[in-house]
Amino acid sequence: MTAIGDLIMVNLDSPDPRAHAEFYHRLLGWKITHSADEYAMIGDGDRAIGFGRVEGYQPPRWPDTSAEKRYHLDVYVDDLDRAEARCRAAGAAKPDFQPGGERWRVLTDPAGQPFCICLRPQG
């Protein structure tokens, strides 16, 4: 099948684009390529994530099955405990509900959006 297009980036709603970009910069190590009050962006040269200010932003509640989930990112890590500690030091929170057992953990970024840290497959 021939693709219609290529994904160049993901844009996320945000109450504070600069802070949102700084958090994911720390999480992923990607360069902050733009940082302003209304919009910020990080990238690694091939992929990018943008953060656009939305007035009155309300994060989803985890796990809120009565509302649609907007998105979540999965990030491979080598050590869940160490990655969780570093994410929390950068501003993440850990919800009580954790369905991943020993393979992944749900955290929320400083804007309240859930993301998962997942053990990198071995081999």
PDB file of N, CA and C in Angstrom:
ATOM      1  N   MET A   1       0.834  -1.180   0.000  1.00  0.00           N
ATOM      2  CA  MET A   1       0.000   0.000   0.000  1.00  0.00           C
ATOM      3  C   MET A   1       0.874   1.237   0.000  1.00  0.00           C
ATOM      4  N   THR A   2       0.513   2.206  -0.794  1.00  0.00           N
ATOM      5  CA  THR A   2       1.226   3.466  -0.839  1.00  0.00           C
ATOM      6  C   THR A   2       0.606   4.428   0.152  1.00  0.00           C
ATOM      7  N   ALA A   3       1.450   5.026   0.991  1.00  0.00           N
ATOM      8  CA  ALA A   3       0.971   5.971   2.001  1.00  0.00           C
ATOM      9  C   ALA A   3       0.496   7.254   1.341  1.00  0.00           C
ATOM     10  N   ILE A   4      -0.498   7.865   1.918  1.00  0.00           N
ATOM     11  CA  ILE A   4      -0.981   9.163   1.461  1.00  0.00           C
ATOM     12  C   ILE A   4      -0.023  10.264   1.895  1.00  0.00           C
ATOM     13  N   GLY A   5       0.576  10.105   3.054  1.00  0.00           N
ATOM     14  CA  GLY A   5       1.484  11.122   3.576  1.00  0.00           C
ATOM     15  C   GLY A   5       2.383  10.539   4.643  1.00  0.00           C
ATOM     16  N   ASP A   6       3.214  11.390   5.216  1.00  0.00           N
ATOM     17  CA  ASP A   6       4.141  10.985   6.267  1.00  0.00           C
ATOM     18  C   ASP A   6       3.885  11.838   7.502  1.00  0.00           C
ATOM     19  N   LEU A   7       3.846  11.198   8.649  1.00  0.00           N
ATOM     20  CA  LEU A   7       3.687  11.919   9.895  1.00  0.00           C
ATOM     21  C   LEU A   7       4.961  12.711  10.165  1.00  0.00           C
ATOM     22  N   ILE A   8       4.830  14.020  10.355  1.00  0.00           N
ATOM     23  CA  ILE A   8       6.004  14.829  10.626  1.00  0.00           C
ATOM     24  C   ILE A   8       6.102  15.249  12.085  1.00  0.00           C
ATOM     25  N   MET A   9       4.953  15.328  12.771  1.00  0.00           N
ATOM     26  CA  MET A   9       4.991  15.667  14.184  1.00  0.00           C
ATOM     27  C   MET A   9       3.635  15.444  14.815  1.00  0.00           C
ATOM     28  N   VAL A  10       3.634  15.450  16.129  1.00  0.00           N
ATOM     29  CA  VAL A  10       2.416  15.379  16.923  1.00  0.00           C
ATOM     30  C   VAL A  10       2.316  16.699  17.676  1.00  0.00           C
ATOM     31  N   ASN A  11       1.132  17.293  17.714  1.00  0.00           N
ATOM     32  CA  ASN A  11       0.893  18.526  18.453  1.00  0.00           C
ATOM     33  C   ASN A  11      -0.054  18.241  19.607  1.00  0.00           C
ATOM     34  N   LEU A  12       0.290  18.734  20.782  1.00  0.00           N
ATOM     35  CA  LEU A  12      -0.486  18.499  21.977  1.00  0.00           C
ATOM     36  C   LEU A  12      -1.029  19.815  22.523  1.00  0.00           C
ATOM     37  N   ASP A  13      -2.284  19.792  22.961  1.00  0.00           N
ATOM     38  CA  ASP A  13      -2.842  20.944  23.657  1.00  0.00           C
ATOM     39  C   ASP A  13      -2.112  21.103  24.980  1.00  0.00           C
ATOM     40  N   SER A  14      -1.966  22.348  25.429  1.00  0.00           N
ATOM     41  CA  SER A  14      -1.183  22.589  26.631  1.00  0.00           C
ATOM     42  C   SER A  14      -1.628  23.860  27.340  1.00  0.00           C
ATOM     43  N   PRO A  15      -1.581  23.864  28.674  1.00  0.00           N
ATOM     44  CA  PRO A  15      -1.831  25.098  29.395  1.00  0.00           C
ATOM     45  C   PRO A  15      -0.586  25.987  29.443  1.00  0.00           C
ATOM     46  N   ASP A  16       0.614  25.410  29.246  1.00  0.00           N
ATOM     47  CA  ASP A  16       1.881  26.129  29.343  1.00  0.00           C
ATOM     48  C   ASP A  16       2.888  25.480  28.398  1.00  0.00           C
ATOM     49  N   PRO A  17       2.909  25.901  27.125  1.00  0.00           N
ATOM     50  CA  PRO A  17       3.773  25.239  26.147  1.00  0.00           C
ATOM     51  C   PRO A  17       5.254  25.188  26.521  1.00  0.00           C
ATOM     52  N   ARG A  18       5.784  26.265  27.080  1.00  0.00           N
ATOM     53  CA  ARG A  18       7.207  26.261  27.451  1.00  0.00           C
ATOM     54  C   ARG A  18       7.510  25.163  28.476  1.00  0.00           C
ATOM     55  N   ALA A  19       6.693  25.092  29.519  1.00  0.00           N
ATOM     56  CA  ALA A  19       6.913  24.088  30.568  1.00  0.00           C
ATOM     57  C   ALA A  19       6.687  22.678  30.036  1.00  0.00           C
ATOM     58  N   HIS A  20       5.703  22.514  29.181  1.00  0.00           N
ATOM     59  CA  HIS A  20       5.407  21.208  28.597  1.00  0.00           C
ATOM     60  C   HIS A  20       6.606  20.733  27.767  1.00  0.00           C
ATOM     61  N   ALA A  21       7.146  21.629  26.941  1.00  0.00           N
ATOM     62  CA  ALA A  21       8.311  21.285  26.120  1.00  0.00           C
ATOM     63  C   ALA A  21       9.521  20.961  26.988  1.00  0.00           C
ATOM     64  N   GLU A  22       9.717  21.727  28.050  1.00  0.00           N
ATOM     65  CA  GLU A  22      10.847  21.475  28.949  1.00  0.00           C
ATOM     66  C   GLU A  22      10.736  20.097  29.594  1.00  0.00           C
ATOM     67  N   PHE A  23       9.527  19.709  30.007  1.00  0.00           N
ATOM     68  CA  PHE A  23       9.334  18.387  30.608  1.00  0.00           C
ATOM     69  C   PHE A  23       9.710  17.286  29.615  1.00  0.00           C
ATOM     70  N   TYR A  24       9.173  17.338  28.387  1.00  0.00           N
ATOM     71  CA  TYR A  24       9.457  16.281  27.418  1.00  0.00           C
ATOM     72  C   TYR A  24      10.897  16.351  26.909  1.00  0.00           C
ATOM     73  N   HIS A  25      11.501  17.529  26.917  1.00  0.00           N
ATOM     74  CA  HIS A  25      12.931  17.650  26.621  1.00  0.00           C
ATOM     75  C   HIS A  25      13.726  16.825  27.634  1.00  0.00           C
ATOM     76  N   ARG A  26      13.375  16.944  28.912  1.00  0.00           N
ATOM     77  CA  ARG A  26      14.064  16.185  29.963  1.00  0.00           C
ATOM     78  C   ARG A  26      13.766  14.697  29.848  1.00  0.00           C
ATOM     79  N   LEU A  27      12.535  14.346  29.507  1.00  0.00           N
ATOM     80  CA  LEU A  27      12.152  12.936  29.405  1.00  0.00           C
ATOM     81  C   LEU A  27      12.828  12.245  28.220  1.00  0.00           C
ATOM     82  N   LEU A  28      12.806  12.878  27.048  1.00  0.00           N
ATOM     83  CA  LEU A  28      13.278  12.240  25.821  1.00  0.00           C
ATOM     84  C   LEU A  28      14.684  12.660  25.402  1.00  0.00           C
ATOM     85  N   GLY A  29      15.185  13.779  25.951  1.00  0.00           N
ATOM     86  CA  GLY A  29      16.491  14.272  25.536  1.00  0.00           C
ATOM     87  C   GLY A  29      16.474  14.992  24.205  1.00  0.00           C
ATOM     88  N   TRP A  30      15.287  15.277  23.677  1.00  0.00           N
ATOM     89  CA  TRP A  30      15.185  15.980  22.393  1.00  0.00           C
ATOM     90  C   TRP A  30      15.439  17.465  22.600  1.00  0.00           C
ATOM     91  N   LYS A  31      15.932  18.112  21.566  1.00  0.00           N
ATOM     92  CA  LYS A  31      16.254  19.532  21.596  1.00  0.00           C
ATOM     93  C   LYS A  31      14.976  20.379  21.567  1.00  0.00           C
ATOM     94  N   ILE A  32      14.953  21.435  22.370  1.00  0.00           N
ATOM     95  CA  ILE A  32      13.869  22.412  22.286  1.00  0.00           C
ATOM     96  C   ILE A  32      14.172  23.285  21.076  1.00  0.00           C
ATOM     97  N   THR A  33      13.328  23.194  20.060  1.00  0.00           N
ATOM     98  CA  THR A  33      13.574  23.917  18.801  1.00  0.00           C
ATOM     99  C   THR A  33      12.792  25.217  18.707  1.00  0.00           C
ATOM    100  N   HIS A  34      11.787  25.380  19.559  1.00  0.00           N
ATOM    101  CA  HIS A  34      11.016  26.630  19.608  1.00  0.00           C
ATOM    102  C   HIS A  34      10.388  26.722  20.991  1.00  0.00           C
ATOM    103  N   SER A  35      10.421  27.912  21.570  1.00  0.00           N
ATOM    104  CA  SER A  35       9.832  28.081  22.893  1.00  0.00           C
ATOM    105  C   SER A  35       9.260  29.490  23.014  1.00  0.00           C
ATOM    106  N   ALA A  36       7.932  29.571  23.023  1.00  0.00           N
ATOM    107  CA  ALA A  36       7.238  30.840  23.183  1.00  0.00           C
ATOM    108  C   ALA A  36       6.014  30.607  24.052  1.00  0.00           C
ATOM    109  N   ASP A  37       5.381  31.690  24.483  1.00  0.00           N
ATOM    110  CA  ASP A  37       4.211  31.558  25.355  1.00  0.00           C
ATOM    111  C   ASP A  37       3.080  30.771  24.707  1.00  0.00           C
ATOM    112  N   GLU A  38       2.879  30.947  23.418  1.00  0.00           N
ATOM    113  CA  GLU A  38       1.749  30.330  22.723  1.00  0.00           C
ATOM    114  C   GLU A  38       2.068  28.968  22.111  1.00  0.00           C
ATOM    115  N   TYR A  39       3.353  28.699  21.845  1.00  0.00           N
ATOM    116  CA  TYR A  39       3.704  27.454  21.170  1.00  0.00           C
ATOM    117  C   TYR A  39       5.163  27.110  21.455  1.00  0.00           C
ATOM    118  N   ALA A  40       5.432  25.825  21.671  1.00  0.00           N
ATOM    119  CA  ALA A  40       6.799  25.344  21.842  1.00  0.00           C
ATOM    120  C   ALA A  40       6.927  24.016  21.107  1.00  0.00           C
ATOM    121  N   MET A  41       8.169  23.624  20.802  1.00  0.00           N
ATOM    122  CA  MET A  41       8.402  22.404  20.044  1.00  0.00           C
ATOM    123  C   MET A  41       9.721  21.778  20.475  1.00  0.00           C
ATOM    124  N   ILE A  42       9.738  20.447  20.475  1.00  0.00           N
ATOM    125  CA  ILE A  42      10.976  19.699  20.658  1.00  0.00           C
ATOM    126  C   ILE A  42      11.130  18.756  19.479  1.00  0.00           C
ATOM    127  N   GLY A  43      12.366  18.343  19.202  1.00  0.00           N
ATOM    128  CA  GLY A  43      12.579  17.400  18.117  1.00  0.00           C
ATOM    129  C   GLY A  43      13.925  16.716  18.224  1.00  0.00           C
ATOM    130  N   ASP A  44      14.055  15.611  17.499  1.00  0.00           N
ATOM    131  CA  ASP A  44      15.327  14.884  17.470  1.00  0.00           C
ATOM    132  C   ASP A  44      15.933  14.870  16.071  1.00  0.00           C
ATOM    133  N   GLY A  45      15.424  15.690  15.182  1.00  0.00           N
ATOM    134  CA  GLY A  45      15.909  15.723  13.807  1.00  0.00           C
ATOM    135  C   GLY A  45      15.025  14.947  12.852  1.00  0.00           C
ATOM    136  N   ASP A  46      14.366  13.906  13.346  1.00  0.00           N
ATOM    137  CA  ASP A  46      13.452  13.108  12.536  1.00  0.00           C
ATOM    138  C   ASP A  46      12.002  13.257  12.988  1.00  0.00           C
ATOM    139  N   ARG A  47      11.810  13.382  14.294  1.00  0.00           N
ATOM    140  CA  ARG A  47      10.474  13.467  14.866  1.00  0.00           C
ATOM    141  C   ARG A  47      10.358  14.736  15.684  1.00  0.00           C
ATOM    142  N   ALA A  48       9.117  15.201  15.858  1.00  0.00           N
ATOM    143  CA  ALA A  48       8.901  16.412  16.648  1.00  0.00           C
ATOM    144  C   ALA A  48       7.580  16.309  17.400  1.00  0.00           C
ATOM    145  N   ILE A  49       7.529  17.004  18.527  1.00  0.00           N
ATOM    146  CA  ILE A  49       6.299  17.167  19.294  1.00  0.00           C
ATOM    147  C   ILE A  49       6.123  18.659  19.521  1.00  0.00           C
ATOM    148  N   GLY A  50       4.946  19.167  19.180  1.00  0.00           N
ATOM    149  CA  GLY A  50       4.623  20.572  19.420  1.00  0.00           C
ATOM    150  C   GLY A  50       3.616  20.704  20.544  1.00  0.00           C
ATOM    151  N   PHE A  51       3.638  21.843  21.212  1.00  0.00           N
ATOM    152  CA  PHE A  51       2.762  22.110  22.345  1.00  0.00           C
ATOM    153  C   PHE A  51       2.109  23.468  22.125  1.00  0.00           C
ATOM    154  N   GLY A  52       0.793  23.488  21.911  1.00  0.00           N
ATOM    155  CA  GLY A  52       0.074  24.730  21.648  1.00  0.00           C
ATOM    156  C   GLY A  52      -0.810  25.128  22.811  1.00  0.00           C
ATOM    157  N   ARG A  53      -0.731  26.397  23.205  1.00  0.00           N
ATOM    158  CA  ARG A  53      -1.524  26.900  24.330  1.00  0.00           C
ATOM    159  C   ARG A  53      -3.011  26.832  24.005  1.00  0.00           C
ATOM    160  N   VAL A  54      -3.773  26.298  24.946  1.00  0.00           N
ATOM    161  CA  VAL A  54      -5.231  26.273  24.868  1.00  0.00           C
ATOM    162  C   VAL A  54      -5.744  26.893  26.162  1.00  0.00           C
ATOM    163  N   GLU A  55      -6.421  28.040  26.039  1.00  0.00           N
ATOM    164  CA  GLU A  55      -6.981  28.691  27.213  1.00  0.00           C
ATOM    165  C   GLU A  55      -8.055  27.795  27.830  1.00  0.00           C
ATOM    166  N   GLY A  56      -8.086  27.718  29.134  1.00  0.00           N
ATOM    167  CA  GLY A  56      -9.073  26.897  29.815  1.00  0.00           C
ATOM    168  C   GLY A  56      -8.807  25.409  29.709  1.00  0.00           C
ATOM    169  N   TYR A  57      -7.587  25.044  29.349  1.00  0.00           N
ATOM    170  CA  TYR A  57      -7.215  23.640  29.195  1.00  0.00           C
ATOM    171  C   TYR A  57      -7.589  22.836  30.440  1.00  0.00           C
ATOM    172  N   GLN A  58      -8.182  21.676  30.227  1.00  0.00           N
ATOM    173  CA  GLN A  58      -8.501  20.740  31.292  1.00  0.00           C
ATOM    174  C   GLN A  58      -7.931  19.381  30.911  1.00  0.00           C
ATOM    175  N   PRO A  59      -7.048  18.829  31.723  1.00  0.00           N
ATOM    176  CA  PRO A  59      -6.471  17.528  31.379  1.00  0.00           C
ATOM    177  C   PRO A  59      -7.493  16.413  31.547  1.00  0.00           C
ATOM    178  N   PRO A  60      -7.284  15.293  30.871  1.00  0.00           N
ATOM    179  CA  PRO A  60      -8.150  14.142  31.108  1.00  0.00           C
ATOM    180  C   PRO A  60      -7.866  13.592  32.500  1.00  0.00           C
ATOM    181  N   ARG A  61      -8.837  12.920  33.067  1.00  0.00           N
ATOM    182  CA  ARG A  61      -8.626  12.245  34.350  1.00  0.00           C
ATOM    183  C   ARG A  61      -8.294  10.794  34.079  1.00  0.00           C
ATOM    184  N   TRP A  62      -7.354  10.267  34.811  1.00  0.00           N
ATOM    185  CA  TRP A  62      -6.937   8.882  34.642  1.00  0.00           C
ATOM    186  C   TRP A  62      -7.395   8.068  35.829  1.00  0.00           C
ATOM    187  N   PRO A  63      -8.044   6.949  35.652  1.00  0.00           N
ATOM    188  CA  PRO A  63      -8.666   6.465  34.413  1.00  0.00           C
ATOM    189  C   PRO A  63     -10.115   6.923  34.353  1.00  0.00           C
ATOM    190  N   ASP A  64     -10.459   7.765  33.444  1.00  0.00           N
ATOM    191  CA  ASP A  64     -11.826   8.259  33.292  1.00  0.00           C
ATOM    192  C   ASP A  64     -12.428   7.582  32.077  1.00  0.00           C
ATOM    193  N   THR A  65     -13.203   6.541  32.303  1.00  0.00           N
ATOM    194  CA  THR A  65     -13.798   5.795  31.196  1.00  0.00           C
ATOM    195  C   THR A  65     -15.031   6.476  30.628  1.00  0.00           C
ATOM    196  N   SER A  66     -15.467   7.580  31.261  1.00  0.00           N
ATOM    197  CA  SER A  66     -16.650   8.273  30.754  1.00  0.00           C
ATOM    198  C   SER A  66     -16.298   9.320  29.700  1.00  0.00           C
ATOM    199  N   ALA A  67     -15.024   9.581  29.500  1.00  0.00           N
ATOM    200  CA  ALA A  67     -14.599  10.571  28.511  1.00  0.00           C
ATOM    201  C   ALA A  67     -13.573   9.938  27.584  1.00  0.00           C
ATOM    202  N   GLU A  68     -13.482  10.475  26.381  1.00  0.00           N
ATOM    203  CA  GLU A  68     -12.496   9.964  25.440  1.00  0.00           C
ATOM    204  C   GLU A  68     -11.095  10.382  25.877  1.00  0.00           C
ATOM    205  N   LYS A  69     -10.154   9.469  25.741  1.00  0.00           N
ATOM    206  CA  LYS A  69      -8.757   9.805  25.998  1.00  0.00           C
ATOM    207  C   LYS A  69      -8.246  10.555  24.776  1.00  0.00           C
ATOM    208  N   ARG A  70      -7.491  11.606  24.994  1.00  0.00           N
ATOM    209  CA  ARG A  70      -7.009  12.427  23.886  1.00  0.00           C
ATOM    210  C   ARG A  70      -5.793  11.820  23.204  1.00  0.00           C
ATOM    211  N   TYR A  71      -4.867  11.334  23.998  1.00  0.00           N
ATOM    212  CA  TYR A  71      -3.668  10.690  23.473  1.00  0.00           C
ATOM    213  C   TYR A  71      -2.899  10.150  24.650  1.00  0.00           C
ATOM    214  N   HIS A  72      -1.923   9.325  24.393  1.00  0.00           N
ATOM    215  CA  HIS A  72      -0.871   9.089  25.369  1.00  0.00           C
ATOM    216  C   HIS A  72       0.366   8.616  24.627  1.00  0.00           C
ATOM    217  N   LEU A  73       1.510   8.908  25.186  1.00  0.00           N
ATOM    218  CA  LEU A  73       2.781   8.509  24.613  1.00  0.00           C
ATOM    219  C   LEU A  73       3.325   7.331  25.405  1.00  0.00           C
ATOM    220  N   ASP A  74       3.952   6.386  24.723  1.00  0.00           N
ATOM    221  CA  ASP A  74       4.677   5.297  25.349  1.00  0.00           C
ATOM    222  C   ASP A  74       6.165   5.553  25.129  1.00  0.00           C
ATOM    223  N   VAL A  75       6.937   5.439  26.195  1.00  0.00           N
ATOM    224  CA  VAL A  75       8.370   5.707  26.134  1.00  0.00           C
ATOM    225  C   VAL A  75       9.106   4.490  26.682  1.00  0.00           C
ATOM    226  N   TYR A  76      10.003   3.900  25.882  1.00  0.00           N
ATOM    227  CA  TYR A  76      10.816   2.791  26.356  1.00  0.00           C
ATOM    228  C   TYR A  76      11.859   3.284  27.357  1.00  0.00           C
ATOM    229  N   VAL A  77      12.040   2.518  28.433  1.00  0.00           N
ATOM    230  CA  VAL A  77      13.077   2.794  29.430  1.00  0.00           C
ATOM    231  C   VAL A  77      13.750   1.478  29.801  1.00  0.00           C
ATOM    232  N   ASP A  78      14.942   1.569  30.375  1.00  0.00           N
ATOM    233  CA  ASP A  78      15.665   0.371  30.772  1.00  0.00           C
ATOM    234  C   ASP A  78      15.356  -0.059  32.206  1.00  0.00           C
ATOM    235  N   ASP A  79      14.938   0.879  33.056  1.00  0.00           N
ATOM    236  CA  ASP A  79      14.672   0.591  34.458  1.00  0.00           C
ATOM    237  C   ASP A  79      13.465   1.419  34.892  1.00  0.00           C
ATOM    238  N   LEU A  80      12.355   0.743  35.211  1.00  0.00           N
ATOM    239  CA  LEU A  80      11.127   1.461  35.557  1.00  0.00           C
ATOM    240  C   LEU A  80      11.282   2.336  36.796  1.00  0.00           C
ATOM    241  N   ASP A  81      11.904   1.813  37.837  1.00  0.00           N
ATOM    242  CA  ASP A  81      12.042   2.592  39.070  1.00  0.00           C
ATOM    243  C   ASP A  81      12.877   3.850  38.845  1.00  0.00           C
ATOM    244  N   ARG A  82      13.983   3.690  38.186  1.00  0.00           N
ATOM    245  CA  ARG A  82      14.865   4.849  37.926  1.00  0.00           C
ATOM    246  C   ARG A  82      14.178   5.860  37.012  1.00  0.00           C
ATOM    247  N   ALA A  83      13.530   5.373  35.944  1.00  0.00           N
ATOM    248  CA  ALA A  83      12.842   6.276  35.019  1.00  0.00           C
ATOM    249  C   ALA A  83      11.703   7.005  35.719  1.00  0.00           C
ATOM    250  N   GLU A  84      10.952   6.278  36.551  1.00  0.00           N
ATOM    251  CA  GLU A  84       9.865   6.926  37.284  1.00  0.00           C
ATOM    252  C   GLU A  84      10.410   8.029  38.189  1.00  0.00           C
ATOM    253  N   ALA A  85      11.467   7.737  38.911  1.00  0.00           N
ATOM    254  CA  ALA A  85      12.046   8.736  39.812  1.00  0.00           C
ATOM    255  C   ALA A  85      12.499   9.973  39.041  1.00  0.00           C
ATOM    256  N   ARG A  86      13.136   9.777  37.913  1.00  0.00           N
ATOM    257  CA  ARG A  86      13.601  10.915  37.112  1.00  0.00           C
ATOM    258  C   ARG A  86      12.428  11.703  36.532  1.00  0.00           C
ATOM    259  N   CYS A  87      11.387  10.999  36.089  1.00  0.00           N
ATOM    260  CA  CYS A  87      10.197  11.682  35.563  1.00  0.00           C
ATOM    261  C   CYS A  87       9.519  12.494  36.657  1.00  0.00           C
ATOM    262  N   ARG A  88       9.396  11.912  37.827  1.00  0.00           N
ATOM    263  CA  ARG A  88       8.753  12.617  38.940  1.00  0.00           C
ATOM    264  C   ARG A  88       9.583  13.825  39.369  1.00  0.00           C
ATOM    265  N   ALA A  89      10.892  13.706  39.340  1.00  0.00           N
ATOM    266  CA  ALA A  89      11.756  14.841  39.665  1.00  0.00           C
ATOM    267  C   ALA A  89      11.591  15.965  38.640  1.00  0.00           C
ATOM    268  N   ALA A  90      11.233  15.586  37.410  1.00  0.00           N
ATOM    269  CA  ALA A  90      11.026  16.574  36.350  1.00  0.00           C
ATOM    270  C   ALA A  90       9.620  17.163  36.371  1.00  0.00           C
ATOM    271  N   GLY A  91       8.736  16.652  37.236  1.00  0.00           N
ATOM    272  CA  GLY A  91       7.399  17.222  37.343  1.00  0.00           C
ATOM    273  C   GLY A  91       6.255  16.272  37.066  1.00  0.00           C
ATOM    274  N   ALA A  92       6.538  15.012  36.760  1.00  0.00           N
ATOM    275  CA  ALA A  92       5.473  14.037  36.511  1.00  0.00           C
ATOM    276  C   ALA A  92       4.830  13.613  37.830  1.00  0.00           C
ATOM    277  N   ALA A  93       3.631  13.074  37.733  1.00  0.00           N
ATOM    278  CA  ALA A  93       2.926  12.503  38.878  1.00  0.00           C
ATOM    279  C   ALA A  93       2.556  11.067  38.531  1.00  0.00           C
ATOM    280  N   LYS A  94       2.268  10.268  39.565  1.00  0.00           N
ATOM    281  CA  LYS A  94       1.897   8.872  39.362  1.00  0.00           C
ATOM    282  C   LYS A  94       0.490   8.652  39.893  1.00  0.00           C
ATOM    283  N   PRO A  95      -0.467   8.378  38.994  1.00  0.00           N
ATOM    284  CA  PRO A  95      -1.826   8.094  39.444  1.00  0.00           C
ATOM    285  C   PRO A  95      -1.881   6.788  40.241  1.00  0.00           C
ATOM    286  N   ASP A  96      -2.893   6.657  41.078  1.00  0.00           N
ATOM    287  CA  ASP A  96      -3.059   5.433  41.865  1.00  0.00           C
ATOM    288  C   ASP A  96      -3.337   4.221  40.984  1.00  0.00           C
ATOM    289  N   PHE A  97      -4.167   4.382  39.945  1.00  0.00           N
ATOM    290  CA  PHE A  97      -4.541   3.261  39.083  1.00  0.00           C
ATOM    291  C   PHE A  97      -3.382   2.913  38.161  1.00  0.00           C
ATOM    292  N   GLN A  98      -2.878   1.691  38.274  1.00  0.00           N
ATOM    293  CA  GLN A  98      -1.725   1.228  37.505  1.00  0.00           C
ATOM    294  C   GLN A  98      -2.020  -0.152  36.915  1.00  0.00           C
ATOM    295  N   PRO A  99      -2.454  -0.222  35.647  1.00  0.00           N
ATOM    296  CA  PRO A  99      -2.818  -1.510  35.063  1.00  0.00           C
ATOM    297  C   PRO A  99      -1.660  -2.300  34.475  1.00  0.00           C
ATOM    298  N   GLY A 100      -0.450  -1.750  34.464  1.00  0.00           N
ATOM    299  CA  GLY A 100       0.644  -2.357  33.720  1.00  0.00           C
ATOM    300  C   GLY A 100       1.450  -3.425  34.412  1.00  0.00           C
ATOM    301  N   GLY A 101       1.181  -3.698  35.661  1.00  0.00           N
ATOM    302  CA  GLY A 101       1.974  -4.707  36.354  1.00  0.00           C
ATOM    303  C   GLY A 101       3.440  -4.322  36.394  1.00  0.00           C
ATOM    304  N   GLU A 102       4.293  -5.244  36.035  1.00  0.00           N
ATOM    305  CA  GLU A 102       5.741  -5.007  36.079  1.00  0.00           C
ATOM    306  C   GLU A 102       6.323  -4.560  34.745  1.00  0.00           C
ATOM    307  N   ARG A 103       5.506  -4.426  33.715  1.00  0.00           N
ATOM    308  CA  ARG A 103       6.019  -4.084  32.372  1.00  0.00           C
ATOM    309  C   ARG A 103       5.920  -2.607  32.031  1.00  0.00           C
ATOM    310  N   TRP A 104       4.964  -1.887  32.615  1.00  0.00           N
ATOM    311  CA  TRP A 104       4.869  -0.458  32.343  1.00  0.00           C
ATOM    312  C   TRP A 104       4.172   0.248  33.486  1.00  0.00           C
ATOM    313  N   ARG A 105       4.338   1.571  33.513  1.00  0.00           N
ATOM    314  CA  ARG A 105       3.686   2.412  34.518  1.00  0.00           C
ATOM    315  C   ARG A 105       3.074   3.615  33.824  1.00  0.00           C
ATOM    316  N   VAL A 106       1.935   4.004  34.328  1.00  0.00           N
ATOM    317  CA  VAL A 106       1.270   5.211  33.851  1.00  0.00           C
ATOM    318  C   VAL A 106       1.711   6.367  34.749  1.00  0.00           C
ATOM    319  N   LEU A 107       2.160   7.443  34.114  1.00  0.00           N
ATOM    320  CA  LEU A 107       2.477   8.689  34.802  1.00  0.00           C
ATOM    321  C   LEU A 107       1.677   9.796  34.125  1.00  0.00           C
ATOM    322  N   THR A 108       1.616  10.951  34.729  1.00  0.00           N
ATOM    323  CA  THR A 108       1.012  12.105  34.069  1.00  0.00           C
ATOM    324  C   THR A 108       2.045  13.209  34.002  1.00  0.00           C
ATOM    325  N   ASP A 109       2.071  13.902  32.863  1.00  0.00           N
ATOM    326  CA  ASP A 109       3.006  15.011  32.705  1.00  0.00           C
ATOM    327  C   ASP A 109       2.515  16.215  33.513  1.00  0.00           C
ATOM    328  N   PRO A 110       3.281  17.295  33.581  1.00  0.00           N
ATOM    329  CA  PRO A 110       2.863  18.439  34.386  1.00  0.00           C
ATOM    330  C   PRO A 110       1.532  19.063  33.949  1.00  0.00           C
ATOM    331  N   ALA A 111       1.105  18.821  32.719  1.00  0.00           N
ATOM    332  CA  ALA A 111      -0.183  19.332  32.248  1.00  0.00           C
ATOM    333  C   ALA A 111      -1.315  18.347  32.513  1.00  0.00           C
ATOM    334  N   GLY A 112      -1.005  17.196  33.124  1.00  0.00           N
ATOM    335  CA  GLY A 112      -2.032  16.217  33.469  1.00  0.00           C
ATOM    336  C   GLY A 112      -2.288  15.149  32.428  1.00  0.00           C
ATOM    337  N   GLN A 113      -1.566  15.176  31.303  1.00  0.00           N
ATOM    338  CA  GLN A 113      -1.754  14.170  30.261  1.00  0.00           C
ATOM    339  C   GLN A 113      -1.036  12.880  30.660  1.00  0.00           C
ATOM    340  N   PRO A 114      -1.708  11.734  30.553  1.00  0.00           N
ATOM    341  CA  PRO A 114      -1.034  10.482  30.873  1.00  0.00           C
ATOM    342  C   PRO A 114      -0.013  10.089  29.806  1.00  0.00           C
ATOM    343  N   PHE A 115       1.053   9.438  30.250  1.00  0.00           N
ATOM    344  CA  PHE A 115       2.012   8.789  29.362  1.00  0.00           C
ATOM    345  C   PHE A 115       2.507   7.546  30.092  1.00  0.00           C
ATOM    346  N   CYS A 116       3.073   6.610  29.340  1.00  0.00           N
ATOM    347  CA  CYS A 116       3.543   5.369  29.933  1.00  0.00           C
ATOM    348  C   CYS A 116       5.036   5.234  29.764  1.00  0.00           C
ATOM    349  N   ILE A 117       5.688   4.780  30.825  1.00  0.00           N
ATOM    350  CA  ILE A 117       7.075   4.343  30.701  1.00  0.00           C
ATOM    351  C   ILE A 117       7.016   2.820  30.651  1.00  0.00           C
ATOM    352  N   CYS A 118       7.664   2.254  29.643  1.00  0.00           N
ATOM    353  CA  CYS A 118       7.544   0.828  29.348  1.00  0.00           C
ATOM    354  C   CYS A 118       8.945   0.212  29.311  1.00  0.00           C
ATOM    355  N   LEU A 119       9.072  -0.978  29.912  1.00  0.00           N
ATOM    356  CA  LEU A 119      10.370  -1.643  29.859  1.00  0.00           C
ATOM    357  C   LEU A 119      10.738  -1.968  28.408  1.00  0.00           C
ATOM    358  N   ARG A 120      11.961  -1.597  28.048  1.00  0.00           N
ATOM    359  CA  ARG A 120      12.470  -1.876  26.710  1.00  0.00           C
ATOM    360  C   ARG A 120      12.586  -3.388  26.539  1.00  0.00           C
ATOM    361  N   PRO A 121      12.106  -3.938  25.416  1.00  0.00           N
ATOM    362  CA  PRO A 121      12.260  -5.385  25.188  1.00  0.00           C
ATOM    363  C   PRO A 121      13.729  -5.770  25.145  1.00  0.00           C
ATOM    364  N   GLN A 122      14.058  -6.883  25.733  1.00  0.00           N
ATOM    365  CA  GLN A 122      15.441  -7.369  25.736  1.00  0.00           C
ATOM    366  C   GLN A 122      15.649  -8.299  24.548  1.00  0.00           C
ATOM    367  N   GLY A 123      16.802  -8.154  23.906  1.00  0.00           N
ATOM    368  CA  GLY A 123      17.142  -9.016  22.775  1.00  0.00           C
ATOM    369  C   GLY A 123      16.601  -8.492  21.550  1.00  0.00           C
TER     370      GLY A 123
END
